[in-house]
């Protein structure tokens, strides 16, 4: 296996890890908000998570190195949204 083959294997591994990380974030989009977010907000978060899953899979299929940034941005986004909802929209348990 040449240098190109190793790079290709690494890109596939990074893509798979990114998809698995995005799947693990499902808890923050599906489970956690049920405690504090009203139904329209939950539906929006679920839709957003599905879009992010499709996007990370698309990036992983293209073997791009940007795929791991999606779960990171996804986690930051959901935490910011939950904090904004708590502070400004009265979301709380």
C-alpha atoms as a PDB file:
ATOM      1  CA  UNK A   1       0.000   0.000   0.000  1.00  0.00           C
ATOM      2  CA  UNK A   2       1.512   3.290  -1.096  1.00  0.00           C
ATOM      3  CA  UNK A   3       1.272   6.706   0.489  1.00  0.00           C
ATOM      4  CA  UNK A   4      -1.959   7.428  -1.420  1.00  0.00           C
ATOM      5  CA  UNK A   5      -3.529   4.231  -0.048  1.00  0.00           C
ATOM      6  CA  UNK A   6      -2.659   5.148   3.539  1.00  0.00           C
ATOM      7  CA  UNK A   7      -4.129   8.616   3.090  1.00  0.00           C
ATOM      8  CA  UNK A   8      -7.283   7.105   1.646  1.00  0.00           C
ATOM      9  CA  UNK A   9      -7.639   4.694   4.567  1.00  0.00           C
ATOM     10  CA  UNK A  10      -7.101   7.559   7.013  1.00  0.00           C
ATOM     11  CA  UNK A  11      -9.798   9.635   5.309  1.00  0.00           C
ATOM     12  CA  UNK A  12     -12.240   6.740   5.480  1.00  0.00           C
ATOM     13  CA  UNK A  13     -11.439   6.223   9.171  1.00  0.00           C
ATOM     14  CA  UNK A  14     -11.903   9.923   9.896  1.00  0.00           C
ATOM     15  CA  UNK A  15     -15.210   9.913   8.009  1.00  0.00           C
ATOM     16  CA  UNK A  16     -16.495   6.881   9.902  1.00  0.00           C
ATOM     17  CA  UNK A  17     -15.442   8.410  13.227  1.00  0.00           C
ATOM     18  CA  UNK A  18     -17.230  11.656  12.330  1.00  0.00           C
ATOM     19  CA  UNK A  19     -20.452   9.832  11.451  1.00  0.00           C
ATOM     20  CA  UNK A  20     -20.293   7.820  14.691  1.00  0.00           C
ATOM     21  CA  UNK A  21     -19.672  10.999  16.693  1.00  0.00           C
ATOM     22  CA  UNK A  22     -22.691  12.641  15.075  1.00  0.00           C
ATOM     23  CA  UNK A  23     -24.808   9.600  15.956  1.00  0.00           C
ATOM     24  CA  UNK A  24     -23.627   9.850  19.554  1.00  0.00           C
ATOM     25  CA  UNK A  25     -24.802  13.470  19.611  1.00  0.00           C
ATOM     26  CA  UNK A  26     -28.361  12.261  19.047  1.00  0.00           C
ATOM     27  CA  UNK A  27     -28.796  12.281  22.827  1.00  0.00           C
ATOM     28  CA  UNK A  28     -28.284  16.046  22.919  1.00  0.00           C
ATOM     29  CA  UNK A  29     -30.820  16.578  20.126  1.00  0.00           C
ATOM     30  CA  UNK A  30     -33.385  13.906  20.970  1.00  0.00           C
ATOM     31  CA  UNK A  31     -33.129  12.982  24.649  1.00  0.00           C
ATOM     32  CA  UNK A  32     -31.934  16.032  26.533  1.00  0.00           C
ATOM     33  CA  UNK A  33     -34.305  18.667  25.099  1.00  0.00           C
ATOM     34  CA  UNK A  34     -37.409  16.630  25.977  1.00  0.00           C
ATOM     35  CA  UNK A  35     -36.873  17.727  29.569  1.00  0.00           C
ATOM     36  CA  UNK A  36     -36.798  21.463  28.905  1.00  0.00           C
ATOM     37  CA  UNK A  37     -37.862  22.376  25.365  1.00  0.00           C
ATOM     38  CA  UNK A  38     -41.461  22.771  24.124  1.00  0.00           C
ATOM     39  CA  UNK A  39     -42.632  20.530  21.283  1.00  0.00           C
ATOM     40  CA  UNK A  40     -41.989  22.966  18.386  1.00  0.00           C
ATOM     41  CA  UNK A  41     -38.418  23.423  19.612  1.00  0.00           C
ATOM     42  CA  UNK A  42     -37.921  19.666  19.896  1.00  0.00           C
ATOM     43  CA  UNK A  43     -39.183  19.136  16.352  1.00  0.00           C
ATOM     44  CA  UNK A  44     -36.811  21.844  15.095  1.00  0.00           C
ATOM     45  CA  UNK A  45     -33.861  20.233  16.905  1.00  0.00           C
ATOM     46  CA  UNK A  46     -34.737  16.818  15.472  1.00  0.00           C
ATOM     47  CA  UNK A  47     -34.934  18.250  11.955  1.00  0.00           C
ATOM     48  CA  UNK A  48     -31.641  20.068  12.453  1.00  0.00           C
ATOM     49  CA  UNK A  49     -29.973  16.864  13.652  1.00  0.00           C
ATOM     50  CA  UNK A  50     -31.226  14.930  10.618  1.00  0.00           C
ATOM     51  CA  UNK A  51     -29.825  17.610   8.297  1.00  0.00           C
ATOM     52  CA  UNK A  52     -26.494  17.452  10.127  1.00  0.00           C
ATOM     53  CA  UNK A  53     -26.407  13.643   9.847  1.00  0.00           C
ATOM     54  CA  UNK A  54     -27.021  13.822   6.111  1.00  0.00           C
ATOM     55  CA  UNK A  55     -24.317  16.483   5.773  1.00  0.00           C
ATOM     56  CA  UNK A  56     -21.691  14.540   7.750  1.00  0.00           C
ATOM     57  CA  UNK A  57     -22.452  11.376   5.759  1.00  0.00           C
ATOM     58  CA  UNK A  58     -22.097  13.364   2.529  1.00  0.00           C
ATOM     59  CA  UNK A  59     -18.736  14.709   3.695  1.00  0.00           C
ATOM     60  CA  UNK A  60     -17.621  11.236   4.801  1.00  0.00           C
ATOM     61  CA  UNK A  61     -18.526   9.746   1.427  1.00  0.00           C
ATOM     62  CA  UNK A  62     -16.473  12.449  -0.287  1.00  0.00           C
ATOM     63  CA  UNK A  63     -13.551  11.499   2.032  1.00  0.00           C
ATOM     64  CA  UNK A  64     -13.019  15.066   3.104  1.00  0.00           C
ATOM     65  CA  UNK A  65     -11.052  16.049   6.167  1.00  0.00           C
ATOM     66  CA  UNK A  66     -13.829  18.481   7.170  1.00  0.00           C
ATOM     67  CA  UNK A  67     -16.197  15.723   8.322  1.00  0.00           C
ATOM     68  CA  UNK A  68     -15.033  15.806  11.991  1.00  0.00           C
ATOM     69  CA  UNK A  69     -15.908  19.488  12.211  1.00  0.00           C
ATOM     70  CA  UNK A  70     -19.623  18.723  11.813  1.00  0.00           C
ATOM     71  CA  UNK A  71     -20.066  16.889  15.151  1.00  0.00           C
ATOM     72  CA  UNK A  72     -18.012  19.546  16.914  1.00  0.00           C
ATOM     73  CA  UNK A  73     -20.081  22.383  15.440  1.00  0.00           C
ATOM     74  CA  UNK A  74     -23.239  20.386  16.080  1.00  0.00           C
ATOM     75  CA  UNK A  75     -22.465  20.015  19.780  1.00  0.00           C
ATOM     76  CA  UNK A  76     -21.637  23.699  20.164  1.00  0.00           C
ATOM     77  CA  UNK A  77     -24.792  24.693  18.269  1.00  0.00           C
ATOM     78  CA  UNK A  78     -27.172  22.587  20.362  1.00  0.00           C
ATOM     79  CA  UNK A  79     -25.612  23.774  23.616  1.00  0.00           C
ATOM     80  CA  UNK A  80     -25.888  27.412  22.514  1.00  0.00           C
ATOM     81  CA  UNK A  81     -29.503  26.876  21.457  1.00  0.00           C
ATOM     82  CA  UNK A  82     -30.422  25.264  24.773  1.00  0.00           C
ATOM     83  CA  UNK A  83     -28.703  28.035  26.714  1.00  0.00           C
ATOM     84  CA  UNK A  84     -30.402  30.719  24.636  1.00  0.00           C
ATOM     85  CA  UNK A  85     -33.770  29.041  25.196  1.00  0.00           C
ATOM     86  CA  UNK A  86     -33.151  28.829  28.930  1.00  0.00           C
ATOM     87  CA  UNK A  87     -32.039  32.442  29.220  1.00  0.00           C
ATOM     88  CA  UNK A  88     -34.475  34.137  26.831  1.00  0.00           C
ATOM     89  CA  UNK A  89     -37.411  31.830  26.144  1.00  0.00           C
ATOM     90  CA  UNK A  90     -38.068  30.436  29.620  1.00  0.00           C
ATOM     91  CA  UNK A  91     -37.125  26.866  28.803  1.00  0.00           C
ATOM     92  CA  UNK A  92     -36.465  24.897  31.955  1.00  0.00           C
ATOM     93  CA  UNK A  93     -37.315  21.765  33.846  1.00  0.00           C
END
